[in-house]
Amino acid sequence: MAKRKKTRRQPGAGFTGRRTVVVDMLEIGSAHGSVTMRAGRDDGQLVCIVLPAPVLPSFMESLHHARLDAEEEYWHVIQHITTSTPVNGPGGVPRAVEKWLLAQNWSSVLAVAGEEAPTDSLALITHVGHIGLRLAPPYTAGKALAIFDPLQFQRVELKLLHACHAAHEQAVNSSAHPMETAALALRDISSRPWPPPAQPTLPTQEQAVAYMQGEVTRRSSAAPPTCGRTATR
């Protein structure tokens, strides 16, 4: 695992032969002894990632340092984007952030990371207040760069730790080589629909109380139901 510290912001872009996704949706789980991630956007862009149990300790350590590095600059970057870019509609800010990030010189940062670890297909880098996860097989299909904001990993920290524990438990109980099981995990998560179907959410306590109060009021004001026959002449 290689980690490249943040660099100064440079204009330009270019990701020859590498698919690049600025992530705003992240799904984390575990399967076949690997932590699984599906990272993408609601427009259908998706990078499927598997991290076998043997690489998890170094990945988690590198991720911790990358988060600290990126958070130093993150809020300054977001303020710059939102104050310098016209934003239209409720989805304007995510689109503006995506466009701005893709216009930064990630290719040169990736090149430096490659020089430091030329045989490493999994590397975390920090650049312009964000975390880039450089990927290649067997951790994903083809070459890819997934760009995260540091708060995304902060929000899913407990879920990620739980997935790491589950992956280690699965690996201990498996006799197969980690890279073989990683291929199975990658195939499984790649076959699922994206974006994931909306999950039903339970009402909050306040919503439940408000609903019940409304039902009580409605029922108490309604006419009492009749029972049996109505007398007629």
C-alpha atoms as a PDB file:
ATOM      1  CA  MET A   1       0.000   0.000   0.000  1.00  0.00           C
ATOM      2  CA  ALA A   2       1.427   3.351  -1.013  1.00  0.00           C
ATOM      3  CA  LYS A   3       0.159   6.723   0.096  1.00  0.00           C
ATOM      4  CA  ARG A   4       1.024   9.985  -1.575  1.00  0.00           C
ATOM      5  CA  LYS A   5       0.765  13.113   0.521  1.00  0.00           C
ATOM      6  CA  LYS A   6      -1.165  16.104  -0.743  1.00  0.00           C
ATOM      7  CA  THR A   7       0.322  18.302  -3.409  1.00  0.00           C
ATOM      8  CA  ARG A   8      -0.306  21.848  -4.481  1.00  0.00           C
ATOM      9  CA  ARG A   9      -3.324  22.381  -6.671  1.00  0.00           C
ATOM     10  CA  GLN A  10      -2.435  22.477 -10.347  1.00  0.00           C
ATOM     11  CA  PRO A  11      -4.646  23.235 -13.339  1.00  0.00           C
ATOM     12  CA  GLY A  12      -5.470  20.658 -15.989  1.00  0.00           C
ATOM     13  CA  ALA A  13      -6.599  17.056 -16.120  1.00  0.00           C
ATOM     14  CA  GLY A  14      -5.856  13.787 -17.838  1.00  0.00           C
ATOM     15  CA  PHE A  15      -6.383  10.165 -16.887  1.00  0.00           C
ATOM     16  CA  THR A  16      -5.142   8.176 -19.853  1.00  0.00           C
ATOM     17  CA  GLY A  17      -6.464   4.622 -19.661  1.00  0.00           C
ATOM     18  CA  ARG A  18      -7.935   5.098 -16.178  1.00  0.00           C
ATOM     19  CA  ARG A  19     -11.623   5.494 -15.411  1.00  0.00           C
ATOM     20  CA  THR A  20     -12.250   8.279 -12.905  1.00  0.00           C
ATOM     21  CA  VAL A  21     -15.311   8.710 -10.678  1.00  0.00           C
ATOM     22  CA  VAL A  22     -15.975  11.466  -8.153  1.00  0.00           C
ATOM     23  CA  VAL A  23     -17.891   9.518  -5.525  1.00  0.00           C
ATOM     24  CA  ASP A  24     -21.078  10.787  -3.915  1.00  0.00           C
ATOM     25  CA  MET A  25     -22.643   7.393  -3.095  1.00  0.00           C
ATOM     26  CA  LEU A  26     -20.769   4.735  -1.126  1.00  0.00           C
ATOM     27  CA  GLU A  27     -21.954   1.258  -0.177  1.00  0.00           C
ATOM     28  CA  ILE A  28     -19.797  -0.876   2.139  1.00  0.00           C
ATOM     29  CA  GLY A  29     -20.047  -4.539   3.015  1.00  0.00           C
ATOM     30  CA  SER A  30     -18.074  -7.779   3.197  1.00  0.00           C
ATOM     31  CA  ALA A  31     -18.057 -10.974   1.151  1.00  0.00           C
ATOM     32  CA  HIS A  32     -15.765 -13.988   0.702  1.00  0.00           C
ATOM     33  CA  GLY A  33     -13.107 -12.608   3.065  1.00  0.00           C
ATOM     34  CA  SER A  34     -12.934  -9.129   1.510  1.00  0.00           C
ATOM     35  CA  VAL A  35     -14.276  -5.706   2.370  1.00  0.00           C
ATOM     36  CA  THR A  36     -16.460  -4.640  -0.534  1.00  0.00           C
ATOM     37  CA  MET A  37     -17.191  -1.121  -1.703  1.00  0.00           C
ATOM     38  CA  ARG A  38     -19.462   0.136  -4.428  1.00  0.00           C
ATOM     39  CA  ALA A  39     -18.571   3.752  -5.047  1.00  0.00           C
ATOM     40  CA  GLY A  40     -20.259   5.928  -7.615  1.00  0.00           C
ATOM     41  CA  ARG A  41     -22.900   8.464  -8.497  1.00  0.00           C
ATOM     42  CA  ASP A  42     -26.655   8.404  -9.011  1.00  0.00           C
ATOM     43  CA  ASP A  43     -26.162   8.855 -12.774  1.00  0.00           C
ATOM     44  CA  GLY A  44     -24.926   5.254 -13.085  1.00  0.00           C
ATOM     45  CA  GLN A  45     -21.158   5.756 -12.692  1.00  0.00           C
ATOM     46  CA  LEU A  46     -19.757   2.975 -10.510  1.00  0.00           C
ATOM     47  CA  VAL A  47     -16.457   1.522  -9.313  1.00  0.00           C
ATOM     48  CA  CYS A  48     -16.649  -1.859  -7.599  1.00  0.00           C
ATOM     49  CA  ILE A  49     -13.821  -2.420  -5.095  1.00  0.00           C
ATOM     50  CA  VAL A  50     -12.697  -5.458  -3.115  1.00  0.00           C
ATOM     51  CA  LEU A  51     -10.067  -5.355  -0.375  1.00  0.00           C
ATOM     52  CA  PRO A  52      -8.941  -8.846   0.732  1.00  0.00           C
ATOM     53  CA  ALA A  53      -8.267  -9.371   4.428  1.00  0.00           C
ATOM     54  CA  PRO A  54      -4.426  -9.380   4.080  1.00  0.00           C
ATOM     55  CA  VAL A  55      -4.335  -5.795   2.749  1.00  0.00           C
ATOM     56  CA  LEU A  56      -6.810  -4.347   5.250  1.00  0.00           C
ATOM     57  CA  PRO A  57      -4.355  -3.381   8.048  1.00  0.00           C
ATOM     58  CA  SER A  58      -2.161  -1.303   5.721  1.00  0.00           C
ATOM     59  CA  PHE A  59      -5.215   0.118   3.930  1.00  0.00           C
ATOM     60  CA  MET A  60      -6.873   1.275   7.150  1.00  0.00           C
ATOM     61  CA  GLU A  61      -3.633   2.856   8.394  1.00  0.00           C
ATOM     62  CA  SER A  62      -3.117   4.676   5.093  1.00  0.00           C
ATOM     63  CA  LEU A  63      -6.756   5.779   5.060  1.00  0.00           C
ATOM     64  CA  HIS A  64      -6.419   7.278   8.543  1.00  0.00           C
ATOM     65  CA  HIS A  65      -3.441   9.409   7.480  1.00  0.00           C
ATOM     66  CA  ALA A  66      -5.088  10.332   4.169  1.00  0.00           C
ATOM     67  CA  ARG A  67      -8.181  11.586   5.984  1.00  0.00           C
ATOM     68  CA  LEU A  68      -6.094  13.784   8.270  1.00  0.00           C
ATOM     69  CA  ASP A  69      -4.170  15.184   5.301  1.00  0.00           C
ATOM     70  CA  ALA A  70      -7.293  15.895   3.239  1.00  0.00           C
ATOM     71  CA  GLU A  71      -9.348  17.447   6.045  1.00  0.00           C
ATOM     72  CA  GLU A  72      -6.800  20.253   6.439  1.00  0.00           C
ATOM     73  CA  GLU A  73      -7.753  21.620   3.024  1.00  0.00           C
ATOM     74  CA  TYR A  74     -11.223  20.210   2.401  1.00  0.00           C
ATOM     75  CA  TRP A  75     -13.366  23.057   3.726  1.00  0.00           C
ATOM     76  CA  HIS A  76     -11.264  25.708   1.981  1.00  0.00           C
ATOM     77  CA  VAL A  77     -11.741  23.848  -1.301  1.00  0.00           C
ATOM     78  CA  ILE A  78     -15.510  23.503  -0.844  1.00  0.00           C
ATOM     79  CA  GLN A  79     -15.839  27.178   0.045  1.00  0.00           C
ATOM     80  CA  HIS A  80     -13.822  28.119  -3.044  1.00  0.00           C
ATOM     81  CA  ILE A  81     -15.998  25.965  -5.318  1.00  0.00           C
ATOM     82  CA  THR A  82     -19.341  27.145  -3.952  1.00  0.00           C
ATOM     83  CA  THR A  83     -18.407  30.841  -4.008  1.00  0.00           C
ATOM     84  CA  SER A  84     -16.745  30.865  -7.423  1.00  0.00           C
ATOM     85  CA  THR A  85     -19.081  28.580  -9.387  1.00  0.00           C
ATOM     86  CA  PRO A  86     -22.709  29.335 -10.324  1.00  0.00           C
ATOM     87  CA  VAL A  87     -24.917  26.722  -8.682  1.00  0.00           C
ATOM     88  CA  ASN A  88     -28.368  25.996 -10.112  1.00  0.00           C
ATOM     89  CA  GLY A  89     -30.937  23.732  -8.494  1.00  0.00           C
ATOM     90  CA  PRO A  90     -30.678  21.293  -5.590  1.00  0.00           C
ATOM     91  CA  GLY A  91     -28.094  19.120  -7.375  1.00  0.00           C
ATOM     92  CA  GLY A  92     -25.957  22.064  -8.417  1.00  0.00           C
ATOM     93  CA  VAL A  93     -23.349  21.822  -5.665  1.00  0.00           C
ATOM     94  CA  PRO A  94     -22.446  18.115  -6.212  1.00  0.00           C
ATOM     95  CA  ARG A  95     -22.190  18.701  -9.964  1.00  0.00           C
ATOM     96  CA  ALA A  96     -20.011  21.778  -9.437  1.00  0.00           C
ATOM     97  CA  VAL A  97     -17.710  19.845  -7.078  1.00  0.00           C
ATOM     98  CA  GLU A  98     -17.459  16.950  -9.547  1.00  0.00           C
ATOM     99  CA  LYS A  99     -16.614  19.242 -12.469  1.00  0.00           C
ATOM    100  CA  TRP A 100     -14.017  21.164 -10.454  1.00  0.00           C
ATOM    101  CA  LEU A 101     -12.323  18.021  -9.113  1.00  0.00           C
ATOM    102  CA  LEU A 102     -12.049  16.446 -12.552  1.00  0.00           C
ATOM    103  CA  ALA A 103     -10.345  19.621 -13.772  1.00  0.00           C
ATOM    104  CA  GLN A 104      -7.519  19.263 -11.260  1.00  0.00           C
ATOM    105  CA  ASN A 105      -4.193  17.677 -12.196  1.00  0.00           C
ATOM    106  CA  TRP A 106      -4.761  14.223 -10.744  1.00  0.00           C
ATOM    107  CA  SER A 107      -2.761  12.621 -13.532  1.00  0.00           C
ATOM    108  CA  SER A 108       0.519  14.133 -12.351  1.00  0.00           C
ATOM    109  CA  VAL A 109      -0.201  13.113  -8.752  1.00  0.00           C
ATOM    110  CA  LEU A 110      -0.939   9.586  -9.917  1.00  0.00           C
ATOM    111  CA  ALA A 111       2.291   9.552 -11.892  1.00  0.00           C
ATOM    112  CA  VAL A 112       4.311  10.470  -8.806  1.00  0.00           C
ATOM    113  CA  ALA A 113       2.503   7.809  -6.773  1.00  0.00           C
ATOM    114  CA  GLY A 114       3.356   5.284  -9.489  1.00  0.00           C
ATOM    115  CA  GLU A 115       7.009   6.228  -9.354  1.00  0.00           C
ATOM    116  CA  GLU A 116       7.054   5.656  -5.608  1.00  0.00           C
ATOM    117  CA  ALA A 117       5.335   2.256  -5.862  1.00  0.00           C
ATOM    118  CA  PRO A 118       5.421   1.109  -9.487  1.00  0.00           C
ATOM    119  CA  THR A 119       4.148  -2.392  -8.757  1.00  0.00           C
ATOM    120  CA  ASP A 120       1.461  -1.383  -6.280  1.00  0.00           C
ATOM    121  CA  SER A 121      -2.010  -1.460  -7.816  1.00  0.00           C
ATOM    122  CA  LEU A 122      -3.682  -0.103  -4.678  1.00  0.00           C
ATOM    123  CA  ALA A 123      -2.683   3.353  -3.440  1.00  0.00           C
ATOM    124  CA  LEU A 124      -4.273   6.189  -1.462  1.00  0.00           C
ATOM    125  CA  ILE A 125      -3.328   9.759  -2.373  1.00  0.00           C
ATOM    126  CA  THR A 126      -4.497  13.132  -1.105  1.00  0.00           C
ATOM    127  CA  HIS A 127      -4.917  16.106  -3.403  1.00  0.00           C
ATOM    128  CA  VAL A 128      -6.947  19.343  -3.223  1.00  0.00           C
ATOM    129  CA  GLY A 129      -8.640  18.331   0.038  1.00  0.00           C
ATOM    130  CA  HIS A 130      -9.843  14.972  -1.277  1.00  0.00           C
ATOM    131  CA  ILE A 131      -8.761  11.328  -1.191  1.00  0.00           C
ATOM    132  CA  GLY A 132      -7.988   9.448  -4.370  1.00  0.00           C
ATOM    133  CA  LEU A 133      -8.005   5.661  -4.335  1.00  0.00           C
ATOM    134  CA  ARG A 134      -5.924   4.402  -7.259  1.00  0.00           C
ATOM    135  CA  LEU A 135      -7.074   0.939  -8.285  1.00  0.00           C
ATOM    136  CA  ALA A 136      -6.217  -1.836 -10.685  1.00  0.00           C
ATOM    137  CA  PRO A 137      -6.914  -5.598 -10.787  1.00  0.00           C
ATOM    138  CA  PRO A 138      -7.389  -7.624  -8.662  1.00  0.00           C
ATOM    139  CA  TYR A 139      -8.989  -4.919  -6.509  1.00  0.00           C
ATOM    140  CA  THR A 140     -11.331  -3.758  -9.279  1.00  0.00           C
ATOM    141  CA  ALA A 141     -12.023  -4.406 -12.951  1.00  0.00           C
ATOM    142  CA  GLY A 142      -9.565  -2.419 -15.064  1.00  0.00           C
ATOM    143  CA  LYS A 143      -7.760   0.722 -13.955  1.00  0.00           C
ATOM    144  CA  ALA A 144      -9.740   3.273 -11.974  1.00  0.00           C
ATOM    145  CA  LEU A 145      -9.447   6.308  -9.736  1.00  0.00           C
ATOM    146  CA  ALA A 146     -12.177   6.830  -7.137  1.00  0.00           C
ATOM    147  CA  ILE A 147     -12.175  10.323  -5.607  1.00  0.00           C
ATOM    148  CA  PHE A 148     -13.743  10.720  -2.153  1.00  0.00           C
ATOM    149  CA  ASP A 149     -14.189  13.629   0.204  1.00  0.00           C
ATOM    150  CA  PRO A 150     -12.739  12.836   3.641  1.00  0.00           C
ATOM    151  CA  LEU A 151     -16.101  13.206   5.374  1.00  0.00           C
ATOM    152  CA  GLN A 152     -17.482  10.240   3.450  1.00  0.00           C
ATOM    153  CA  PHE A 153     -15.102   7.880   5.200  1.00  0.00           C
ATOM    154  CA  GLN A 154     -15.775   9.608   8.509  1.00  0.00           C
ATOM    155  CA  ARG A 155     -19.515   8.970   8.148  1.00  0.00           C
ATOM    156  CA  VAL A 156     -19.055   5.270   7.368  1.00  0.00           C
ATOM    157  CA  GLU A 157     -16.202   4.610   9.799  1.00  0.00           C
ATOM    158  CA  LEU A 158     -18.156   2.234  12.054  1.00  0.00           C
ATOM    159  CA  LYS A 159     -19.600   0.372   9.080  1.00  0.00           C
ATOM    160  CA  LEU A 160     -16.120   0.054   7.584  1.00  0.00           C
ATOM    161  CA  LEU A 161     -14.673  -1.303  10.831  1.00  0.00           C
ATOM    162  CA  HIS A 162     -17.516  -3.804  11.075  1.00  0.00           C
ATOM    163  CA  ALA A 163     -16.887  -4.905   7.475  1.00  0.00           C
ATOM    164  CA  CYS A 164     -13.166  -5.357   8.231  1.00  0.00           C
ATOM    165  CA  HIS A 165     -13.979  -7.583  11.206  1.00  0.00           C
ATOM    166  CA  ALA A 166     -16.433  -9.632   9.149  1.00  0.00           C
ATOM    167  CA  ALA A 167     -13.924 -10.012   6.290  1.00  0.00           C
ATOM    168  CA  HIS A 168     -11.248 -11.295   8.680  1.00  0.00           C
ATOM    169  CA  GLU A 169     -13.711 -13.806  10.168  1.00  0.00           C
ATOM    170  CA  GLN A 170     -14.626 -15.033   6.695  1.00  0.00           C
ATOM    171  CA  ALA A 171     -10.975 -15.316   5.657  1.00  0.00           C
ATOM    172  CA  VAL A 172     -10.050 -17.355   8.731  1.00  0.00           C
ATOM    173  CA  ASN A 173     -12.760 -19.876   7.886  1.00  0.00           C
ATOM    174  CA  SER A 174     -11.736 -20.192   4.222  1.00  0.00           C
ATOM    175  CA  SER A 175      -8.995 -22.402   2.774  1.00  0.00           C
ATOM    176  CA  ALA A 176      -8.969 -20.611  -0.603  1.00  0.00           C
ATOM    177  CA  HIS A 177      -6.309 -18.066  -1.606  1.00  0.00           C
ATOM    178  CA  PRO A 178      -7.377 -14.477  -0.760  1.00  0.00           C
ATOM    179  CA  MET A 179      -7.103 -13.359  -4.385  1.00  0.00           C
ATOM    180  CA  GLU A 180      -9.368 -16.197  -5.502  1.00  0.00           C
ATOM    181  CA  THR A 181     -12.031 -15.229  -3.004  1.00  0.00           C
ATOM    182  CA  ALA A 182     -11.553 -11.546  -3.894  1.00  0.00           C
ATOM    183  CA  ALA A 183     -12.472 -12.398  -7.485  1.00  0.00           C
ATOM    184  CA  LEU A 184     -15.666 -14.032  -6.240  1.00  0.00           C
ATOM    185  CA  ALA A 185     -16.513 -10.973  -4.141  1.00  0.00           C
ATOM    186  CA  LEU A 186     -15.893  -8.646  -7.086  1.00  0.00           C
ATOM    187  CA  ARG A 187     -18.127 -10.716  -9.325  1.00  0.00           C
ATOM    188  CA  ASP A 188     -20.903 -10.706  -6.712  1.00  0.00           C
ATOM    189  CA  ILE A 189     -20.993  -6.961  -6.134  1.00  0.00           C
ATOM    190  CA  SER A 190     -20.609  -6.170  -9.845  1.00  0.00           C
ATOM    191  CA  SER A 191     -23.788  -8.099 -10.620  1.00  0.00           C
ATOM    192  CA  ARG A 192     -26.010  -5.986  -8.373  1.00  0.00           C
ATOM    193  CA  PRO A 193     -28.080  -3.072  -9.722  1.00  0.00           C
ATOM    194  CA  TRP A 194     -26.738   0.460  -9.416  1.00  0.00           C
ATOM    195  CA  PRO A 195     -27.843   2.847  -8.054  1.00  0.00           C
ATOM    196  CA  PRO A 196     -29.127   0.502  -5.357  1.00  0.00           C
ATOM    197  CA  PRO A 197     -32.916   0.368  -4.959  1.00  0.00           C
ATOM    198  CA  ALA A 198     -34.224   2.805  -2.388  1.00  0.00           C
ATOM    199  CA  GLN A 199     -34.568   1.119   0.986  1.00  0.00           C
ATOM    200  CA  PRO A 200     -37.701   1.695   3.071  1.00  0.00           C
ATOM    201  CA  THR A 201     -36.900   3.765   6.136  1.00  0.00           C
ATOM    202  CA  LEU A 202     -38.579   3.499   9.515  1.00  0.00           C
ATOM    203  CA  PRO A 203     -40.313   6.646  10.753  1.00  0.00           C
ATOM    204  CA  THR A 204     -38.641   8.664  13.456  1.00  0.00           C
ATOM    205  CA  GLN A 205     -40.173   8.706  16.922  1.00  0.00           C
ATOM    206  CA  GLU A 206     -41.511  12.223  16.277  1.00  0.00           C
ATOM    207  CA  GLN A 207     -43.136  11.109  13.013  1.00  0.00           C
ATOM    208  CA  ALA A 208     -44.686   8.065  14.698  1.00  0.00           C
ATOM    209  CA  VAL A 209     -46.101  10.157  17.561  1.00  0.00           C
ATOM    210  CA  ALA A 210     -47.509  12.738  15.130  1.00  0.00           C
ATOM    211  CA  TYR A 211     -49.160   9.990  13.070  1.00  0.00           C
ATOM    212  CA  MET A 212     -50.733   8.342  16.107  1.00  0.00           C
ATOM    213  CA  GLN A 213     -52.005  11.672  17.430  1.00  0.00           C
ATOM    214  CA  GLY A 214     -53.561  12.365  14.042  1.00  0.00           C
ATOM    215  CA  GLU A 215     -55.221   8.945  14.026  1.00  0.00           C
ATOM    216  CA  VAL A 216     -56.633   9.477  17.522  1.00  0.00           C
ATOM    217  CA  THR A 217     -58.067  12.858  16.506  1.00  0.00           C
ATOM    218  CA  ARG A 218     -59.534  11.475  13.282  1.00  0.00           C
ATOM    219  CA  ARG A 219     -61.158   8.501  14.977  1.00  0.00           C
ATOM    220  CA  SER A 220     -62.558  10.512  17.877  1.00  0.00           C
ATOM    221  CA  SER A 221     -64.199  12.987  15.510  1.00  0.00           C
ATOM    222  CA  ALA A 222     -65.666  10.311  13.216  1.00  0.00           C
ATOM    223  CA  ALA A 223     -69.252   9.081  13.676  1.00  0.00           C
ATOM    224  CA  PRO A 224     -69.476   5.912  15.788  1.00  0.00           C
ATOM    225  CA  PRO A 225     -70.024   2.808  13.704  1.00  0.00           C
ATOM    226  CA  THR A 226     -73.396   1.062  13.827  1.00  0.00           C
ATOM    227  CA  CYS A 227     -73.810  -2.594  14.660  1.00  0.00           C
ATOM    228  CA  GLY A 228     -76.625  -4.975  13.755  1.00  0.00           C
ATOM    229  CA  ARG A 229     -79.831  -4.119  11.922  1.00  0.00           C
ATOM    230  CA  THR A 230     -81.256  -0.673  11.611  1.00  0.00           C
ATOM    231  CA  ALA A 231     -84.915  -0.532  12.577  1.00  0.00           C
ATOM    232  CA  THR A 232     -87.220   0.384   9.680  1.00  0.00           C
ATOM    233  CA  ARG A 233     -90.869   0.721   9.327  1.00  0.00           C
END
